[in-house]
Each structure stands twice: as C-alpha cells, then as structure tokens.
Amino acid sequence: MGYTGGEAFEPNYDKIGDHTEAMLVEFDDSVTYNQLLAKFFAEHTPGVSSRQYRSCIFYHDDDQRAAAEAVRDGLVGMGKRWVRHTAVEPASAFWQAEDYHQKYLAKMQTRFAGYGR
C-alpha cells in the first residue's frame, strides 16, 4: 500500500495532499495485464469519493492505458455503469505507506477474530 498520483513530496496518511491511496502490483509473464484488470473489476466496487479513496488505475505505458480504458468502457457498455467512476491515469512516483497500513485487512481479521461468536 502507498500513495501515488500526486505532486507532494513524501506524502503520508496525515498529509496525503493530492495523492490517492493505491497498491503497487508487480507481476510476471505468467499473468497478463488483462487478467489483472479482470480481477480488479471483479473484486472492486468503484465509487465517487475523495481523491484519497477514489477508484483509479495508474498505467505505465500506452498499452496498459488502452487496455484499462477498453475493459472499463466495455463493462460500462454491458450495463455495469458504476465502473465509469474508475479513472485511468498515468502512474507517477509511488510512496510506500506507513507500516500500520500494510496488510491492513489481515491485521484487522486477526485483531477481531473471535468477536461475534
């Protein structure tokens, strides 16, 4: 987890500025970019929110941009209108988030294990 898409130097959770919270995904040739896009849209429900929590795909080249826009626009054309809120923008510097933001869901599942039983 980290921050990208903005101009501020060394953003953090308290001073995020114009950045967006994001995940940096590194992948090898055993996974295609289109497979990642399919997983993203299957697992993610885009919404309109603040710049910090908005839905955005940050691309690294024109092929990634074109693929992300094609998948998003294709889903909109199939009636999945909520994905239109997902922006597609060029990647910029990625700043690692604070340690307490890393693996946040796993930490919360461990922290609250056993509650509600």
N, C-alpha and C. Protein backbone atom coordinates (compact mmCIF):
# COMPACT_ATOMS: atom_id res chain seq x y z
N MET A 1 0.85 -1.17 0.00
CA MET A 1 0.00 0.00 0.00
C MET A 1 0.89 1.23 0.00
N GLY A 2 0.34 2.27 -0.60
CA GLY A 2 1.08 3.51 -0.64
C GLY A 2 0.25 4.62 -1.26
N TYR A 3 0.95 5.63 -1.74
CA TYR A 3 0.31 6.82 -2.28
C TYR A 3 0.93 7.15 -3.64
N THR A 4 0.09 7.55 -4.59
CA THR A 4 0.56 7.92 -5.91
C THR A 4 -0.42 8.89 -6.55
N GLY A 5 -0.05 9.38 -7.71
CA GLY A 5 -0.96 10.23 -8.47
C GLY A 5 -0.95 11.69 -8.08
N GLY A 6 -0.01 12.10 -7.27
CA GLY A 6 0.04 13.49 -6.84
C GLY A 6 1.41 14.10 -6.99
N GLU A 7 1.52 15.33 -6.57
CA GLU A 7 2.76 16.08 -6.72
C GLU A 7 3.55 16.25 -5.42
N ALA A 8 2.89 16.11 -4.28
CA ALA A 8 3.55 16.36 -2.99
C ALA A 8 4.71 15.39 -2.79
N PHE A 9 5.76 15.86 -2.12
CA PHE A 9 6.93 15.05 -1.82
C PHE A 9 6.70 14.32 -0.50
N GLU A 10 6.94 13.02 -0.48
CA GLU A 10 6.80 12.18 0.71
C GLU A 10 5.44 12.32 1.39
N PRO A 11 4.37 12.01 0.69
CA PRO A 11 3.05 12.07 1.33
C PRO A 11 2.93 11.01 2.42
N ASN A 12 2.04 11.22 3.35
CA ASN A 12 1.72 10.22 4.35
C ASN A 12 0.23 10.33 4.67
N TYR A 13 -0.27 9.46 5.51
CA TYR A 13 -1.70 9.42 5.76
C TYR A 13 -2.24 10.75 6.29
N ASP A 14 -1.46 11.43 7.10
CA ASP A 14 -1.90 12.71 7.68
C ASP A 14 -1.70 13.88 6.74
N LYS A 15 -0.80 13.74 5.78
CA LYS A 15 -0.53 14.79 4.80
C LYS A 15 -0.50 14.17 3.41
N ILE A 16 -1.67 13.68 2.99
CA ILE A 16 -1.73 12.97 1.71
C ILE A 16 -1.74 13.92 0.53
N GLY A 17 -2.16 15.15 0.76
CA GLY A 17 -2.18 16.14 -0.31
C GLY A 17 -3.05 15.69 -1.47
N ASP A 18 -2.50 15.74 -2.68
CA ASP A 18 -3.27 15.40 -3.88
C ASP A 18 -3.04 13.96 -4.34
N HIS A 19 -2.54 13.11 -3.46
CA HIS A 19 -2.29 11.72 -3.80
C HIS A 19 -3.53 10.85 -3.58
N THR A 20 -3.46 9.63 -4.10
CA THR A 20 -4.50 8.63 -3.93
C THR A 20 -3.88 7.41 -3.26
N GLU A 21 -4.60 6.81 -2.31
CA GLU A 21 -4.11 5.57 -1.74
C GLU A 21 -4.17 4.50 -2.82
N ALA A 22 -3.12 3.71 -2.94
CA ALA A 22 -3.04 2.75 -4.03
C ALA A 22 -2.21 1.54 -3.65
N MET A 23 -2.35 0.49 -4.45
CA MET A 23 -1.50 -0.68 -4.33
C MET A 23 -0.58 -0.72 -5.54
N LEU A 24 0.66 -1.04 -5.33
CA LEU A 24 1.60 -1.25 -6.42
C LEU A 24 1.64 -2.76 -6.68
N VAL A 25 1.28 -3.15 -7.89
CA VAL A 25 1.23 -4.57 -8.24
C VAL A 25 2.35 -4.86 -9.22
N GLU A 26 3.24 -5.76 -8.82
CA GLU A 26 4.29 -6.23 -9.71
C GLU A 26 3.91 -7.63 -10.15
N PHE A 27 4.01 -7.90 -11.44
CA PHE A 27 3.61 -9.20 -11.94
C PHE A 27 4.57 -9.66 -13.02
N ASP A 28 4.60 -10.98 -13.23
CA ASP A 28 5.48 -11.55 -14.25
C ASP A 28 4.66 -12.03 -15.44
N ASP A 29 5.32 -12.64 -16.38
CA ASP A 29 4.66 -13.05 -17.64
C ASP A 29 3.64 -14.18 -17.47
N SER A 30 3.56 -14.79 -16.28
CA SER A 30 2.57 -15.84 -16.08
C SER A 30 1.17 -15.26 -15.88
N VAL A 31 1.09 -13.95 -15.68
CA VAL A 31 -0.19 -13.24 -15.53
C VAL A 31 -0.22 -12.12 -16.56
N THR A 32 -1.31 -12.02 -17.28
CA THR A 32 -1.42 -10.94 -18.25
C THR A 32 -2.03 -9.70 -17.60
N TYR A 33 -1.80 -8.58 -18.21
CA TYR A 33 -2.39 -7.33 -17.72
C TYR A 33 -3.91 -7.41 -17.78
N ASN A 34 -4.44 -8.01 -18.83
CA ASN A 34 -5.90 -8.15 -18.92
C ASN A 34 -6.45 -9.05 -17.81
N GLN A 35 -5.70 -10.05 -17.38
CA GLN A 35 -6.14 -10.87 -16.25
C GLN A 35 -6.18 -10.03 -14.97
N LEU A 36 -5.18 -9.17 -14.79
CA LEU A 36 -5.19 -8.28 -13.63
C LEU A 36 -6.37 -7.33 -13.67
N LEU A 37 -6.66 -6.79 -14.84
CA LEU A 37 -7.80 -5.89 -14.98
C LEU A 37 -9.11 -6.61 -14.66
N ALA A 38 -9.25 -7.84 -15.15
CA ALA A 38 -10.46 -8.62 -14.88
C ALA A 38 -10.62 -8.85 -13.37
N LYS A 39 -9.53 -9.19 -12.71
CA LYS A 39 -9.56 -9.41 -11.26
C LYS A 39 -9.91 -8.11 -10.54
N PHE A 40 -9.31 -7.01 -10.95
CA PHE A 40 -9.57 -5.71 -10.34
C PHE A 40 -11.06 -5.38 -10.41
N PHE A 41 -11.64 -5.47 -11.60
CA PHE A 41 -13.05 -5.09 -11.74
C PHE A 41 -13.99 -6.11 -11.10
N ALA A 42 -13.57 -7.37 -10.97
CA ALA A 42 -14.40 -8.37 -10.31
C ALA A 42 -14.41 -8.17 -8.79
N GLU A 43 -13.31 -7.68 -8.24
CA GLU A 43 -13.16 -7.57 -6.79
C GLU A 43 -13.43 -6.17 -6.25
N HIS A 44 -13.48 -5.18 -7.10
CA HIS A 44 -13.51 -3.78 -6.68
C HIS A 44 -14.83 -3.14 -7.08
N THR A 45 -15.43 -2.42 -6.14
CA THR A 45 -16.65 -1.68 -6.45
C THR A 45 -16.30 -0.20 -6.44
N PRO A 46 -16.13 0.39 -7.62
CA PRO A 46 -15.76 1.80 -7.69
C PRO A 46 -16.88 2.69 -7.17
N GLY A 47 -16.49 3.79 -6.64
CA GLY A 47 -17.46 4.77 -6.19
C GLY A 47 -16.88 6.16 -6.31
N VAL A 48 -17.71 7.12 -6.09
CA VAL A 48 -17.26 8.51 -6.11
C VAL A 48 -16.92 8.88 -4.68
N SER A 49 -15.72 9.28 -4.46
CA SER A 49 -15.27 9.60 -3.12
C SER A 49 -14.23 10.71 -3.21
N SER A 50 -13.51 10.89 -2.14
CA SER A 50 -12.45 11.89 -2.12
C SER A 50 -11.29 11.43 -3.01
N ARG A 51 -10.41 12.33 -3.30
CA ARG A 51 -9.24 11.98 -4.11
C ARG A 51 -8.44 10.88 -3.42
N GLN A 52 -8.39 10.89 -2.12
CA GLN A 52 -7.64 9.90 -1.37
C GLN A 52 -8.17 8.49 -1.60
N TYR A 53 -9.47 8.33 -1.67
CA TYR A 53 -10.08 7.00 -1.75
C TYR A 53 -10.74 6.69 -3.08
N ARG A 54 -10.44 7.45 -4.09
CA ARG A 54 -11.11 7.26 -5.38
C ARG A 54 -10.67 5.98 -6.07
N SER A 55 -11.42 5.60 -7.09
CA SER A 55 -11.11 4.43 -7.88
C SER A 55 -10.27 4.86 -9.09
N CYS A 56 -9.08 4.31 -9.21
CA CYS A 56 -8.19 4.72 -10.29
C CYS A 56 -7.24 3.59 -10.66
N ILE A 57 -7.00 3.44 -11.94
CA ILE A 57 -5.97 2.53 -12.44
C ILE A 57 -4.85 3.42 -12.97
N PHE A 58 -3.66 3.25 -12.42
CA PHE A 58 -2.50 4.02 -12.86
C PHE A 58 -1.69 3.16 -13.82
N TYR A 59 -1.54 3.62 -15.03
CA TYR A 59 -0.86 2.83 -16.06
C TYR A 59 0.58 3.29 -16.25
N HIS A 60 1.41 2.38 -16.82
CA HIS A 60 2.83 2.65 -17.03
C HIS A 60 3.21 2.82 -18.49
N ASP A 61 2.30 2.49 -19.41
CA ASP A 61 2.59 2.69 -20.83
C ASP A 61 1.26 2.78 -21.60
N ASP A 62 1.36 3.12 -22.88
CA ASP A 62 0.16 3.30 -23.68
C ASP A 62 -0.65 2.01 -23.85
N ASP A 63 0.02 0.87 -23.87
CA ASP A 63 -0.71 -0.40 -23.97
C ASP A 63 -1.56 -0.64 -22.73
N GLN A 64 -1.01 -0.36 -21.55
CA GLN A 64 -1.78 -0.52 -20.32
C GLN A 64 -2.95 0.48 -20.29
N ARG A 65 -2.70 1.70 -20.70
CA ARG A 65 -3.78 2.70 -20.73
C ARG A 65 -4.91 2.22 -21.63
N ALA A 66 -4.57 1.81 -22.84
CA ALA A 66 -5.58 1.37 -23.81
C ALA A 66 -6.35 0.16 -23.28
N ALA A 67 -5.66 -0.79 -22.67
CA ALA A 67 -6.33 -1.98 -22.14
C ALA A 67 -7.27 -1.62 -20.99
N ALA A 68 -6.81 -0.77 -20.07
CA ALA A 68 -7.65 -0.38 -18.93
C ALA A 68 -8.89 0.36 -19.40
N GLU A 69 -8.72 1.28 -20.34
CA GLU A 69 -9.88 2.03 -20.86
C GLU A 69 -10.83 1.10 -21.61
N ALA A 70 -10.30 0.15 -22.38
CA ALA A 70 -11.15 -0.77 -23.14
C ALA A 70 -11.97 -1.66 -22.22
N VAL A 71 -11.34 -2.19 -21.17
CA VAL A 71 -12.07 -3.05 -20.24
C VAL A 71 -13.12 -2.24 -19.49
N ARG A 72 -12.73 -1.09 -18.98
CA ARG A 72 -13.69 -0.24 -18.26
C ARG A 72 -14.86 0.14 -19.16
N ASP A 73 -14.57 0.62 -20.35
CA ASP A 73 -15.62 1.07 -21.27
C ASP A 73 -16.48 -0.10 -21.74
N GLY A 74 -15.88 -1.27 -21.90
CA GLY A 74 -16.65 -2.45 -22.27
C GLY A 74 -17.64 -2.84 -21.19
N LEU A 75 -17.21 -2.76 -19.94
CA LEU A 75 -18.11 -3.07 -18.83
C LEU A 75 -19.25 -2.06 -18.74
N VAL A 76 -18.94 -0.79 -18.96
CA VAL A 76 -19.99 0.23 -18.98
C VAL A 76 -20.99 -0.10 -20.09
N GLY A 77 -20.50 -0.48 -21.26
CA GLY A 77 -21.36 -0.85 -22.38
C GLY A 77 -22.23 -2.06 -22.11
N MET A 78 -21.79 -2.91 -21.17
CA MET A 78 -22.57 -4.09 -20.79
C MET A 78 -23.57 -3.77 -19.67
N GLY A 79 -23.66 -2.50 -19.31
CA GLY A 79 -24.62 -2.10 -18.28
C GLY A 79 -24.04 -1.96 -16.90
N LYS A 80 -22.75 -2.19 -16.73
CA LYS A 80 -22.11 -2.06 -15.41
C LYS A 80 -21.63 -0.62 -15.25
N ARG A 81 -22.61 0.26 -15.14
CA ARG A 81 -22.34 1.70 -15.19
C ARG A 81 -21.46 2.21 -14.05
N TRP A 82 -21.45 1.52 -12.91
CA TRP A 82 -20.67 2.01 -11.78
C TRP A 82 -19.17 2.07 -12.06
N VAL A 83 -18.69 1.29 -13.02
CA VAL A 83 -17.26 1.30 -13.29
C VAL A 83 -16.82 2.58 -14.00
N ARG A 84 -17.78 3.36 -14.49
CA ARG A 84 -17.42 4.62 -15.16
C ARG A 84 -16.70 5.58 -14.20
N HIS A 85 -16.83 5.33 -12.91
CA HIS A 85 -16.17 6.18 -11.91
C HIS A 85 -14.69 5.83 -11.73
N THR A 86 -14.22 4.81 -12.40
CA THR A 86 -12.81 4.43 -12.30
C THR A 86 -11.99 5.26 -13.29
N ALA A 87 -11.11 6.08 -12.75
CA ALA A 87 -10.23 6.90 -13.59
C ALA A 87 -9.08 6.03 -14.11
N VAL A 88 -8.53 6.41 -15.24
CA VAL A 88 -7.35 5.76 -15.81
C VAL A 88 -6.34 6.88 -16.05
N GLU A 89 -5.24 6.85 -15.28
CA GLU A 89 -4.28 7.95 -15.31
C GLU A 89 -2.84 7.42 -15.34
N PRO A 90 -1.91 8.23 -15.82
CA PRO A 90 -0.51 7.80 -15.83
C PRO A 90 0.04 7.63 -14.41
N ALA A 91 0.85 6.60 -14.24
CA ALA A 91 1.50 6.37 -12.95
C ALA A 91 2.53 7.46 -12.70
N SER A 92 2.69 7.78 -11.44
CA SER A 92 3.74 8.72 -11.03
C SER A 92 4.51 8.05 -9.90
N ALA A 93 5.32 8.80 -9.21
CA ALA A 93 6.10 8.23 -8.11
C ALA A 93 5.18 7.52 -7.12
N PHE A 94 5.61 6.38 -6.63
CA PHE A 94 4.85 5.62 -5.63
C PHE A 94 5.58 5.74 -4.31
N TRP A 95 4.85 6.18 -3.30
CA TRP A 95 5.40 6.35 -1.96
C TRP A 95 4.82 5.28 -1.05
N GLN A 96 5.69 4.51 -0.41
CA GLN A 96 5.27 3.45 0.50
C GLN A 96 4.49 4.05 1.67
N ALA A 97 3.34 3.46 1.99
CA ALA A 97 2.56 3.91 3.14
C ALA A 97 3.22 3.45 4.44
N GLU A 98 2.76 4.02 5.52
CA GLU A 98 3.27 3.68 6.84
C GLU A 98 3.04 2.19 7.13
N ASP A 99 3.84 1.63 8.04
CA ASP A 99 3.76 0.20 8.35
C ASP A 99 2.35 -0.21 8.78
N TYR A 100 1.66 0.63 9.53
CA TYR A 100 0.34 0.22 10.02
C TYR A 100 -0.70 0.12 8.90
N HIS A 101 -0.39 0.62 7.70
CA HIS A 101 -1.29 0.47 6.56
C HIS A 101 -1.02 -0.80 5.76
N GLN A 102 0.11 -1.42 5.98
CA GLN A 102 0.47 -2.61 5.22
C GLN A 102 -0.32 -3.82 5.74
N LYS A 103 -0.91 -4.58 4.82
CA LYS A 103 -1.70 -5.78 5.16
C LYS A 103 -2.78 -5.45 6.19
N TYR A 104 -3.43 -4.33 5.99
CA TYR A 104 -4.42 -3.81 6.94
C TYR A 104 -5.57 -4.79 7.18
N LEU A 105 -6.15 -5.35 6.11
CA LEU A 105 -7.27 -6.28 6.29
C LEU A 105 -6.86 -7.52 7.07
N ALA A 106 -5.69 -8.04 6.80
CA ALA A 106 -5.21 -9.21 7.54
C ALA A 106 -5.03 -8.87 9.01
N LYS A 107 -4.51 -7.69 9.28
CA LYS A 107 -4.34 -7.27 10.68
C LYS A 107 -5.68 -7.14 11.38
N MET A 108 -6.68 -6.59 10.70
CA MET A 108 -8.00 -6.41 11.31
C MET A 108 -8.69 -7.75 11.53
N GLN A 109 -8.52 -8.70 10.61
CA GLN A 109 -9.12 -10.02 10.79
C GLN A 109 -8.52 -10.72 11.99
N THR A 110 -7.22 -10.58 12.17
CA THR A 110 -6.55 -11.17 13.32
C THR A 110 -6.99 -10.47 14.60
N ARG A 111 -7.06 -9.17 14.56
CA ARG A 111 -7.41 -8.37 15.74
C ARG A 111 -8.82 -8.69 16.24
N PHE A 112 -9.75 -8.88 15.31
CA PHE A 112 -11.14 -9.09 15.69
C PHE A 112 -11.60 -10.55 15.59
N ALA A 113 -10.66 -11.46 15.43
CA ALA A 113 -11.01 -12.89 15.38
C ALA A 113 -11.69 -13.29 16.69
N GLY A 114 -12.79 -13.98 16.56
CA GLY A 114 -13.49 -14.45 17.75
C GLY A 114 -14.61 -13.55 18.21
N TYR A 115 -14.64 -12.27 17.74
CA TYR A 115 -15.74 -11.40 18.12
C TYR A 115 -17.00 -11.84 17.40
N GLY A 116 -18.14 -11.72 18.05
CA GLY A 116 -19.41 -12.02 17.42
C GLY A 116 -19.75 -13.51 17.41
N ARG A 117 -18.97 -14.30 18.10
CA ARG A 117 -19.26 -15.75 18.15
C ARG A 117 -20.12 -16.06 19.35
